[in-house]
Amino acid sequence: MKHYCPYCNSEQEYYIEKRIFKHYKGVDVNIEENVPICKKCKNELIINNIEDENLKRIYNKYREIKNIITPSEIKDLREKYNISQRELTAILDFGKMTINRYENGALPSKSQSDYLRLISKDNNEFFNKVKEAYSTNRISEKTFIKIKNIINNQSIHDNNYELKLYIENELKTSPNIFNGFTVLNLDKLQNLISYIASKTKLYLTSLNKYLWFIDMISYNKRAVSITGLIYVHEKYGPVIIHRKYEEISKLDNKYKRDDKEKKDGSIQSIITSNGNYELASFNDKEIDIIDYVINLFSNKSVEEISNLSHQELAWKNTKRFQKISFEYADNLNILNLK
């Protein structure tokens, strides 16, 4: 392999030296980067395609740790409302090439990332921004009517629309230690529940524990949770705050809840996957964590899973109905089980 060396002032053979890039924007990324070295003078070379790959790995790790929206999620947002990069840029009043840069891998700020995620899931928030853009002549009447019709049609055909709005209003909070510094993404949560239900018999009473352990392990490994849910201490283990698992389980786009009366008169609820879950919004590490919990719990009873949650400091050191901090994720017994 040869490349122009400015120190030797000629084309020279080079080799790749592996190095660890430790910090990016104050975050410990610890990414291996490839550094081209001139074989003759031993100086570092700048080779664009190698540098681009290094930056891509750094950005991806930083994006994962800080929970920054991905290029594919931004493209999905545009596809949802059938708008171009130019139209989305005008609606958000961003710089001319901002969306183009983000879709090509550039990193948005955390605040921009959070807002892009919000409008991708909240039609009302997005349409408020669209109306503002139309009133200030940033978008045409044609674009305004197109988006308005799409949102109206989505509302009509989504049987869960009002329920989703209610759940998001009750549970969505800004990043903090109680939601694992992750903003709730209800579509991602539904896909997660559907995926779990496709792999194991999922009882409603166990759903909380599956989600809690997945989020706690994610925080232990990645410093962020996966779902953005907040959990509280209850008698049989951690539970989604305000017991909103009841409403979440009634969303039926990705799964169905089946309630059956047992011989003793009690109701047993089972969640069954519709088989249409999508994993595109989950990265490989998230999938590994989810699969770890599924494999660990799949042959355990509801009571056994509940007992496992009682062994964790997060449950032992909190009181009834108290919110459970993700600080307890630093010490998890579940990671020692086989």
Protein backbone atom coordinates (compact mmCIF):
# COMPACT_ATOMS: atom_id res chain seq x y z
CA MET A 1 0.00 0.00 0.00
CA LYS A 2 1.34 3.39 -0.99
CA HIS A 3 0.35 6.96 -0.28
CA TYR A 4 1.92 10.37 -0.69
CA CYS A 5 4.08 11.26 2.32
CA PRO A 6 4.52 15.03 2.81
CA TYR A 7 7.64 14.41 4.92
CA CYS A 8 9.37 12.31 2.26
CA ASN A 9 7.78 14.36 -0.53
CA SER A 10 7.02 11.18 -2.48
CA GLU A 11 4.81 8.11 -2.69
CA GLN A 12 5.79 5.70 0.07
CA GLU A 13 4.72 2.35 1.45
CA TYR A 14 2.83 2.59 4.72
CA TYR A 15 1.61 0.26 7.44
CA ILE A 16 -1.29 0.46 9.91
CA GLU A 17 -0.69 0.92 13.60
CA LYS A 18 -3.55 0.13 15.99
CA ARG A 19 -4.16 2.71 18.72
CA ILE A 20 -6.86 3.35 21.30
CA PHE A 21 -8.67 6.65 20.99
CA LYS A 22 -9.82 7.25 24.56
CA HIS A 23 -11.85 10.45 24.82
CA TYR A 24 -14.25 12.33 22.59
CA LYS A 25 -16.11 15.42 23.82
CA GLY A 26 -15.48 14.46 27.42
CA VAL A 27 -16.78 10.90 26.96
CA ASP A 28 -14.70 7.74 27.38
CA VAL A 29 -15.14 6.05 24.01
CA ASN A 30 -12.02 3.80 23.99
CA ILE A 31 -12.25 3.05 20.28
CA GLU A 32 -9.51 1.30 18.32
CA GLU A 33 -8.37 3.49 15.44
CA ASN A 34 -6.15 2.74 12.45
CA VAL A 35 -3.17 5.07 12.08
CA PRO A 36 -1.22 4.91 8.79
CA ILE A 37 2.56 5.19 9.30
CA CYS A 38 5.10 5.88 6.57
CA LYS A 39 7.52 2.94 6.43
CA LYS A 40 10.42 5.19 5.48
CA CYS A 41 10.21 8.16 7.86
CA LYS A 42 7.84 6.65 10.48
CA ASN A 43 5.61 9.74 10.50
CA GLU A 44 1.82 9.56 10.63
CA LEU A 45 -0.03 10.03 7.38
CA ILE A 46 -3.46 11.49 6.77
CA ILE A 47 -5.42 9.18 4.47
CA ASN A 48 -8.99 10.34 4.04
CA ASN A 49 -10.81 7.02 3.78
CA ILE A 50 -8.99 5.61 6.83
CA GLU A 51 -9.66 8.80 8.78
CA ASP A 52 -13.33 8.66 7.79
CA GLU A 53 -13.63 5.09 9.09
CA ASN A 54 -11.96 6.08 12.37
CA LEU A 55 -14.36 8.98 12.82
CA LYS A 56 -17.33 6.76 11.98
CA ARG A 57 -16.41 4.33 14.77
CA ILE A 58 -15.84 7.17 17.23
CA TYR A 59 -19.14 8.84 16.32
CA ASN A 60 -21.04 5.57 16.59
CA LYS A 61 -19.65 4.85 20.06
CA TYR A 62 -20.30 8.42 21.23
CA ARG A 63 -23.81 8.24 19.74
CA GLU A 64 -24.45 4.97 21.61
CA ILE A 65 -23.18 6.26 24.96
CA LYS A 66 -24.98 9.62 24.78
CA ASN A 67 -28.10 8.15 23.14
CA ILE A 68 -27.82 10.42 20.10
CA ILE A 69 -30.29 9.88 17.26
CA THR A 70 -28.93 7.83 14.36
CA PRO A 71 -28.91 8.78 10.65
CA SER A 72 -31.42 6.01 9.92
CA GLU A 73 -33.82 7.34 12.56
CA ILE A 74 -33.73 10.78 10.93
CA LYS A 75 -34.42 9.22 7.54
CA ASP A 76 -37.33 7.30 9.10
CA LEU A 77 -38.69 10.59 10.43
CA ARG A 78 -38.67 12.11 6.94
CA GLU A 79 -40.23 8.99 5.42
CA LYS A 80 -42.97 9.02 8.06
CA TYR A 81 -44.08 12.48 6.90
CA ASN A 82 -42.96 12.09 3.25
CA ILE A 83 -40.70 15.16 3.37
CA SER A 84 -37.30 15.96 1.89
CA GLN A 85 -34.17 16.99 3.72
CA ARG A 86 -34.81 20.54 2.56
CA GLU A 87 -38.38 20.51 3.92
CA LEU A 88 -37.36 19.09 7.31
CA THR A 89 -34.53 21.63 7.57
CA ALA A 90 -36.99 24.46 6.86
CA ILE A 91 -39.54 23.15 9.36
CA LEU A 92 -36.93 22.96 12.13
CA ASP A 93 -35.26 26.21 11.05
CA PHE A 94 -31.85 24.52 11.04
CA GLY A 95 -28.89 25.53 8.90
CA LYS A 96 -29.23 24.78 5.18
CA MET A 97 -27.24 21.51 5.09
CA THR A 98 -27.81 20.40 8.70
CA ILE A 99 -30.13 17.44 8.06
CA ASN A 100 -27.99 16.33 5.13
CA ARG A 101 -24.93 16.28 7.37
CA TYR A 102 -26.73 14.39 10.13
CA GLU A 103 -28.01 11.75 7.72
CA ASN A 104 -24.46 11.32 6.45
CA GLY A 105 -23.09 10.65 9.92
CA ALA A 106 -22.41 14.03 11.52
CA LEU A 107 -23.37 14.31 15.20
CA PRO A 108 -26.22 16.59 16.27
CA SER A 109 -26.13 18.19 19.69
CA LYS A 110 -27.88 16.29 22.48
CA SER A 111 -30.69 18.86 22.58
CA GLN A 112 -31.24 18.64 18.81
CA SER A 113 -31.10 14.85 18.99
CA ASP A 114 -33.71 14.71 21.75
CA TYR A 115 -35.98 17.07 19.86
CA LEU A 116 -35.68 15.11 16.61
CA ARG A 117 -36.64 11.97 18.52
CA LEU A 118 -39.57 13.77 20.14
CA ILE A 119 -41.10 14.98 16.88
CA SER A 120 -40.58 11.57 15.27
CA LYS A 121 -42.88 10.05 17.91
CA ASP A 122 -45.20 12.93 18.77
CA ASN A 123 -47.40 14.04 15.88
CA ASN A 124 -48.79 16.97 17.85
CA GLU A 125 -45.35 18.36 18.67
CA PHE A 126 -44.24 17.96 15.07
CA PHE A 127 -47.37 19.57 13.65
CA ASN A 128 -46.98 22.55 15.99
CA LYS A 129 -43.55 23.06 14.45
CA VAL A 130 -45.00 22.64 10.96
CA LYS A 131 -47.65 25.29 11.64
CA GLU A 132 -44.96 27.66 12.92
CA ALA A 133 -42.86 27.05 9.80
CA TYR A 134 -45.88 27.70 7.56
CA SER A 135 -46.87 30.88 9.39
CA THR A 136 -43.37 32.28 8.95
CA ASN A 137 -43.18 31.24 5.27
CA ARG A 138 -40.38 28.71 5.78
CA ILE A 139 -42.48 26.05 4.02
CA SER A 140 -45.04 26.25 1.23
CA GLU A 141 -48.79 25.72 1.53
CA LYS A 142 -48.35 22.52 -0.50
CA THR A 143 -45.91 21.10 2.07
CA PHE A 144 -48.15 22.18 4.94
CA ILE A 145 -51.26 20.48 3.49
CA LYS A 146 -49.31 17.32 2.62
CA ILE A 147 -48.07 16.89 6.20
CA LYS A 148 -51.45 17.80 7.70
CA ASN A 149 -53.17 15.10 5.63
CA ILE A 150 -50.57 12.49 6.55
CA ILE A 151 -50.92 13.21 10.27
CA ASN A 152 -54.72 13.13 10.04
CA ASN A 153 -54.60 9.77 8.26
CA GLN A 154 -52.16 8.36 10.82
CA SER A 155 -54.46 9.41 13.64
CA ILE A 156 -57.48 7.80 11.98
CA HIS A 157 -55.77 4.48 11.26
CA ASP A 158 -53.84 4.12 14.50
CA ASN A 159 -56.23 2.55 17.01
CA ASN A 160 -53.64 3.16 19.72
CA TYR A 161 -53.15 6.85 18.99
CA GLU A 162 -54.96 8.30 22.00
CA LEU A 163 -53.62 5.62 24.34
CA LYS A 164 -50.06 6.24 23.13
CA LEU A 165 -50.44 9.97 23.71
CA TYR A 166 -51.70 9.30 27.23
CA ILE A 167 -48.83 6.90 28.07
CA GLU A 168 -46.21 9.26 26.69
CA ASN A 169 -47.71 12.17 28.60
CA GLU A 170 -47.58 10.13 31.82
CA LEU A 171 -44.16 8.52 31.41
CA LYS A 172 -41.95 10.62 29.11
CA THR A 173 -39.45 12.75 31.05
CA SER A 174 -36.17 14.46 30.27
CA PRO A 175 -33.03 12.32 30.81
CA ASN A 176 -32.24 11.69 34.47
CA ILE A 177 -30.89 9.03 36.82
CA PHE A 178 -34.34 7.45 37.25
CA ASN A 179 -34.94 6.77 33.54
CA GLY A 180 -31.34 5.80 32.82
CA PHE A 181 -30.70 9.07 30.97
CA THR A 182 -32.89 7.87 28.11
CA VAL A 183 -36.03 9.54 26.75
CA LEU A 184 -38.92 7.10 26.40
CA ASN A 185 -39.43 5.86 22.85
CA LEU A 186 -42.79 4.10 22.92
CA ASP A 187 -42.40 2.52 19.48
CA LYS A 188 -39.05 1.05 20.50
CA LEU A 189 -40.60 -0.22 23.74
CA GLN A 190 -43.41 -1.95 21.84
CA ASN A 191 -40.90 -3.62 19.53
CA LEU A 192 -38.90 -4.76 22.54
CA ILE A 193 -41.96 -6.29 24.24
CA SER A 194 -43.00 -7.99 21.01
CA TYR A 195 -39.50 -9.42 20.58
CA ILE A 196 -39.41 -10.76 24.14
CA ALA A 197 -42.87 -12.31 23.72
CA SER A 198 -41.72 -13.98 20.49
CA LYS A 199 -38.91 -15.74 22.36
CA THR A 200 -40.62 -16.84 25.57
CA LYS A 201 -43.98 -17.16 27.29
CA LEU A 202 -44.38 -13.65 28.64
CA TYR A 203 -46.74 -13.12 31.58
CA LEU A 204 -47.84 -9.58 32.36
CA THR A 205 -46.58 -10.05 35.94
CA SER A 206 -43.07 -10.82 34.61
CA LEU A 207 -42.98 -8.04 32.01
CA ASN A 208 -41.82 -5.44 34.55
CA LYS A 209 -38.88 -7.61 35.61
CA TYR A 210 -37.79 -8.36 32.05
CA LEU A 211 -37.78 -4.66 31.20
CA TRP A 212 -36.17 -3.60 34.48
CA PHE A 213 -33.32 -6.09 34.27
CA ILE A 214 -32.74 -5.25 30.60
CA ASP A 215 -32.55 -1.55 31.45
CA MET A 216 -30.34 -2.07 34.52
CA ILE A 217 -27.87 -4.27 32.66
CA SER A 218 -27.84 -1.77 29.79
CA TYR A 219 -26.99 1.00 32.24
CA ASN A 220 -24.28 -1.16 33.80
CA LYS A 221 -22.69 -1.84 30.40
CA ARG A 222 -23.48 1.34 28.46
CA ALA A 223 -24.29 4.07 31.02
CA VAL A 224 -27.78 4.47 29.52
CA SER A 225 -30.97 2.41 29.73
CA ILE A 226 -32.78 1.09 26.66
CA THR A 227 -36.44 1.99 27.27
CA GLY A 228 -36.37 5.25 29.25
CA LEU A 229 -38.91 3.84 31.71
CA ILE A 230 -38.93 4.76 35.41
CA TYR A 231 -39.42 1.93 37.93
CA VAL A 232 -40.59 1.88 41.54
CA HIS A 233 -40.24 -0.61 44.39
CA GLU A 234 -43.31 -2.79 44.86
CA LYS A 235 -43.97 -5.96 46.83
CA TYR A 236 -43.08 -8.43 44.09
CA GLY A 237 -40.21 -6.45 42.60
CA PRO A 238 -39.59 -3.38 40.43
CA VAL A 239 -42.63 -2.11 38.52
CA ILE A 240 -43.09 0.60 35.89
CA ILE A 241 -44.06 3.80 37.70
CA HIS A 242 -47.81 4.39 38.20
CA ARG A 243 -48.30 0.75 37.10
CA LYS A 244 -48.46 1.91 33.51
CA TYR A 245 -47.59 -1.59 32.36
CA GLU A 246 -51.36 -2.08 32.35
CA GLU A 247 -51.85 0.55 29.63
CA ILE A 248 -48.66 -0.42 27.79
CA SER A 249 -49.83 -4.04 27.59
CA LYS A 250 -53.07 -2.90 25.90
CA LEU A 251 -51.29 -1.40 22.90
CA ASP A 252 -51.91 -3.95 20.16
CA ASN A 253 -49.85 -2.98 17.12
CA LYS A 254 -46.96 -5.30 17.98
CA TYR A 255 -48.48 -7.74 20.49
CA LYS A 256 -51.72 -8.89 22.05
CA ARG A 257 -52.69 -9.26 25.69
CA ASP A 258 -54.80 -12.31 26.51
CA ASP A 259 -56.55 -12.41 29.89
CA LYS A 260 -57.72 -15.82 31.14
CA GLU A 261 -59.55 -16.68 34.32
CA LYS A 262 -57.88 -19.43 36.36
CA LYS A 263 -59.71 -22.04 38.44
CA ASP A 264 -59.19 -20.01 41.61
CA GLY A 265 -60.91 -17.02 40.00
CA SER A 266 -57.73 -14.98 39.49
CA ILE A 267 -56.84 -13.52 36.09
CA GLN A 268 -53.69 -14.60 34.27
CA SER A 269 -52.51 -12.26 31.52
CA ILE A 270 -50.17 -13.41 28.76
CA ILE A 271 -48.59 -11.17 26.12
CA THR A 272 -48.25 -12.73 22.66
CA SER A 273 -46.12 -11.26 19.88
CA ASN A 274 -47.78 -10.36 16.59
CA GLY A 275 -44.48 -11.27 14.95
CA ASN A 276 -44.09 -7.84 13.33
CA TYR A 277 -41.45 -6.43 15.68
CA GLU A 278 -38.64 -4.37 14.17
CA LEU A 279 -35.11 -4.35 15.62
CA ALA A 280 -33.59 -1.65 13.41
CA SER A 281 -33.55 0.88 16.27
CA PHE A 282 -31.59 -1.52 18.53
CA ASN A 283 -27.82 -1.77 18.23
CA ASP A 284 -25.87 -5.02 18.61
CA LYS A 285 -25.02 -4.41 22.27
CA GLU A 286 -28.66 -3.77 23.12
CA ILE A 287 -29.70 -7.00 21.39
CA ASP A 288 -27.01 -8.92 23.29
CA ILE A 289 -28.35 -7.58 26.60
CA ILE A 290 -31.96 -8.34 25.70
CA ASP A 291 -31.08 -11.88 24.61
CA TYR A 292 -29.08 -12.43 27.80
CA VAL A 293 -32.11 -11.65 29.96
CA ILE A 294 -34.48 -13.68 27.78
CA ASN A 295 -32.20 -16.72 27.90
CA LEU A 296 -31.79 -16.33 31.66
CA PHE A 297 -35.51 -16.07 32.40
CA SER A 298 -37.11 -18.25 29.71
CA ASN A 299 -37.18 -21.39 31.88
CA LYS A 300 -37.96 -19.61 35.15
CA SER A 301 -41.37 -19.19 36.76
CA VAL A 302 -42.95 -15.84 37.56
CA GLU A 303 -42.08 -16.38 41.22
CA GLU A 304 -38.45 -17.25 40.46
CA ILE A 305 -38.03 -14.11 38.36
CA SER A 306 -39.58 -12.02 41.12
CA ASN A 307 -37.22 -13.57 43.69
CA LEU A 308 -34.22 -12.68 41.51
CA SER A 309 -35.26 -9.02 41.58
CA HIS A 310 -35.46 -9.22 45.40
CA GLN A 311 -31.78 -10.18 45.53
CA GLU A 312 -30.70 -6.89 43.99
CA LEU A 313 -29.53 -3.95 46.12
CA ALA A 314 -31.80 -1.72 44.04
CA TRP A 315 -34.81 -3.47 45.58
CA LYS A 316 -33.31 -4.10 49.03
CA ASN A 317 -32.23 -0.50 49.57
CA THR A 318 -35.47 1.17 48.48
CA LYS A 319 -38.87 1.42 50.12
CA ARG A 320 -42.38 0.68 48.84
CA PHE A 321 -43.34 2.92 45.92
CA GLN A 322 -39.95 4.67 45.97
CA LYS A 323 -38.38 5.32 42.56
CA ILE A 324 -35.36 3.11 41.86
CA SER A 325 -32.20 4.92 40.81
CA PHE A 326 -30.04 3.49 38.04
CA GLU A 327 -27.05 4.12 40.29
CA TYR A 328 -27.75 0.64 41.65
CA ALA A 329 -26.84 -0.80 38.24
CA ASP A 330 -23.17 -0.68 39.25
CA ASN A 331 -23.76 -3.76 41.41
CA LEU A 332 -25.99 -6.40 39.82
CA ASN A 333 -26.25 -9.99 41.05
CA ILE A 334 -28.00 -10.96 37.83
CA LEU A 335 -24.73 -10.61 35.92
CA ASN A 336 -23.21 -13.42 37.96
CA LEU A 337 -25.92 -15.95 37.12
CA LYS A 338 -25.48 -18.64 34.50
